[in-house]
C-alpha atoms as a PDB file:
ATOM      1  CA  MET A   1    -148.259 167.385  58.891  1.00  0.00           C
ATOM      2  CA  THR A   2    -145.128 165.654  60.201  1.00  0.00           C
ATOM      3  CA  VAL A   3    -142.377 164.068  58.130  1.00  0.00           C
ATOM      4  CA  ASP A   4    -143.812 160.656  59.039  1.00  0.00           C
ATOM      5  CA  GLN A   5    -147.150 161.590  57.435  1.00  0.00           C
ATOM      6  CA  ARG A   6    -145.780 162.709  54.064  1.00  0.00           C
ATOM      7  CA  GLU A   7    -143.128 161.842  51.517  1.00  0.00           C
ATOM      8  CA  MET A   8    -139.787 163.354  52.513  1.00  0.00           C
ATOM      9  CA  THR A   9    -138.242 165.896  50.180  1.00  0.00           C
ATOM     10  CA  TYR A  10    -135.026 165.205  48.298  1.00  0.00           C
ATOM     11  CA  GLY A  11    -133.113 167.362  50.788  1.00  0.00           C
ATOM     12  CA  GLU A  12    -134.669 165.680  53.817  1.00  0.00           C
ATOM     13  CA  LYS A  13    -133.646 162.295  52.460  1.00  0.00           C
ATOM     14  CA  ALA A  14    -130.178 163.588  51.588  1.00  0.00           C
ATOM     15  CA  VAL A  15    -129.482 164.701  55.173  1.00  0.00           C
ATOM     16  CA  GLY A  16    -131.154 161.734  56.853  1.00  0.00           C
ATOM     17  CA  LEU A  17    -133.611 164.011  58.616  1.00  0.00           C
ATOM     18  CA  THR A  18    -135.222 161.268  60.682  1.00  0.00           C
ATOM     19  CA  PHE A  19    -131.877 159.879  61.940  1.00  0.00           C
ATOM     20  CA  ASN A  20    -131.052 161.627  65.197  1.00  0.00           C
ATOM     21  CA  PRO A  21    -130.347 158.981  67.855  1.00  0.00           C
ATOM     22  CA  SER A  22    -129.468 161.586  70.487  1.00  0.00           C
ATOM     23  CA  GLY A  23    -132.764 163.418  69.956  1.00  0.00           C
ATOM     24  CA  ASP A  24    -130.811 166.690  69.992  1.00  0.00           C
ATOM     25  CA  PRO A  25    -133.124 169.498  68.815  1.00  0.00           C
ATOM     26  CA  VAL A  26    -130.134 171.504  67.532  1.00  0.00           C
ATOM     27  CA  VAL A  27    -129.157 168.580  65.272  1.00  0.00           C
ATOM     28  CA  ASN A  28    -132.731 168.455  64.003  1.00  0.00           C
ATOM     29  CA  ASP A  29    -132.687 172.202  63.265  1.00  0.00           C
ATOM     30  CA  MET A  30    -129.348 171.952  61.460  1.00  0.00           C
ATOM     31  CA  LYS A  31    -130.586 169.056  59.346  1.00  0.00           C
ATOM     32  CA  ARG A  32    -133.772 170.942  58.434  1.00  0.00           C
ATOM     33  CA  ASP A  33    -131.765 174.016  57.421  1.00  0.00           C
ATOM     34  CA  TYR A  34    -129.406 172.004  55.218  1.00  0.00           C
ATOM     35  CA  ALA A  35    -132.354 170.090  53.749  1.00  0.00           C
ATOM     36  CA  LYS A  36    -133.913 173.389  52.632  1.00  0.00           C
ATOM     37  CA  ILE A  37    -130.663 174.451  50.957  1.00  0.00           C
ATOM     38  CA  ILE A  38    -130.304 171.091  49.223  1.00  0.00           C
ATOM     39  CA  ASP A  39    -133.934 171.199  48.062  1.00  0.00           C
ATOM     40  CA  GLU A  40    -133.370 174.633  46.506  1.00  0.00           C
ATOM     41  CA  LEU A  41    -130.175 173.482  44.785  1.00  0.00           C
ATOM     42  CA  ASN A  42    -131.984 170.391  43.502  1.00  0.00           C
ATOM     43  CA  ASN A  43    -134.853 172.499  42.143  1.00  0.00           C
ATOM     44  CA  LEU A  44    -132.400 174.790  40.367  1.00  0.00           C
ATOM     45  CA  ARG A  45    -130.543 171.790  38.965  1.00  0.00           C
ATOM     46  CA  ASP A  46    -133.790 170.277  37.682  1.00  0.00           C
ATOM     47  CA  ALA A  47    -134.742 173.582  36.019  1.00  0.00           C
ATOM     48  CA  SER A  48    -131.420 173.957  34.203  1.00  0.00           C
ATOM     49  CA  SER A  49    -130.756 172.638  30.721  1.00  0.00           C
ATOM     50  CA  ASN A  50    -127.059 173.517  30.890  1.00  0.00           C
ATOM     51  CA  GLU A  51    -125.018 170.399  31.652  1.00  0.00           C
ATOM     52  CA  GLU A  52    -122.146 172.272  33.298  1.00  0.00           C
ATOM     53  CA  GLN A  53    -124.549 174.198  35.508  1.00  0.00           C
ATOM     54  CA  ARG A  54    -126.305 170.947  36.436  1.00  0.00           C
ATOM     55  CA  ARG A  55    -122.929 169.424  37.340  1.00  0.00           C
ATOM     56  CA  LEU A  56    -122.085 172.433  39.502  1.00  0.00           C
ATOM     57  CA  PHE A  57    -125.409 172.157  41.332  1.00  0.00           C
ATOM     58  CA  SER A  58    -124.637 168.464  41.937  1.00  0.00           C
ATOM     59  CA  VAL A  59    -121.262 169.387  43.423  1.00  0.00           C
ATOM     60  CA  ALA A  60    -122.943 172.012  45.614  1.00  0.00           C
ATOM     61  CA  ILE A  61    -125.448 169.417  46.843  1.00  0.00           C
ATOM     62  CA  THR A  62    -122.646 167.000  47.705  1.00  0.00           C
ATOM     63  CA  GLU A  63    -120.722 169.706  49.537  1.00  0.00           C
ATOM     64  CA  ALA A  64    -123.841 170.754  51.473  1.00  0.00           C
ATOM     65  CA  GLN A  65    -124.333 167.131  52.541  1.00  0.00           C
ATOM     66  CA  SER A  66    -120.714 167.007  53.708  1.00  0.00           C
ATOM     67  CA  ALA A  67    -121.057 170.280  55.612  1.00  0.00           C
ATOM     68  CA  GLN A  68    -124.208 169.009  57.308  1.00  0.00           C
ATOM     69  CA  MET A  69    -122.476 165.815  58.403  1.00  0.00           C
ATOM     70  CA  TRP A  70    -119.485 167.731  59.802  1.00  0.00           C
ATOM     71  CA  ALA A  71    -121.805 170.167  61.603  1.00  0.00           C
ATOM     72  CA  VAL A  72    -123.677 167.282  63.256  1.00  0.00           C
ATOM     73  CA  LYS A  73    -120.385 165.614  64.169  1.00  0.00           C
ATOM     74  CA  ALA A  74    -119.164 168.836  65.775  1.00  0.00           C
ATOM     75  CA  ARG A  75    -122.429 169.278  67.664  1.00  0.00           C
ATOM     76  CA  THR A  76    -122.442 165.707  69.003  1.00  0.00           C
ATOM     77  CA  TRP A  77    -118.683 165.420  69.678  1.00  0.00           C
ATOM     78  CA  LYS A  78    -117.891 163.944  73.055  1.00  0.00           C
ATOM     79  CA  LEU A  79    -114.415 163.621  74.544  1.00  0.00           C
ATOM     80  CA  GLU A  80    -113.681 160.167  75.839  1.00  0.00           C
END
């Protein structure tokens, strides 16, 4: 089943999995890897009843999103 045929996961939405204008397979792989990490962090956050731990998972999710964006930028960087 492809992403188009099912509901995207939280992590897939968070990294914009379907947005890859260059069609670069490395970008797609990076986004999938980060999506898996974000999904795991989100699951752990959902399972926690400790507010500070939930906050820390939220920070980790935000930082993973940032790292993914920088990784894609580095991969697609072109000198002008």
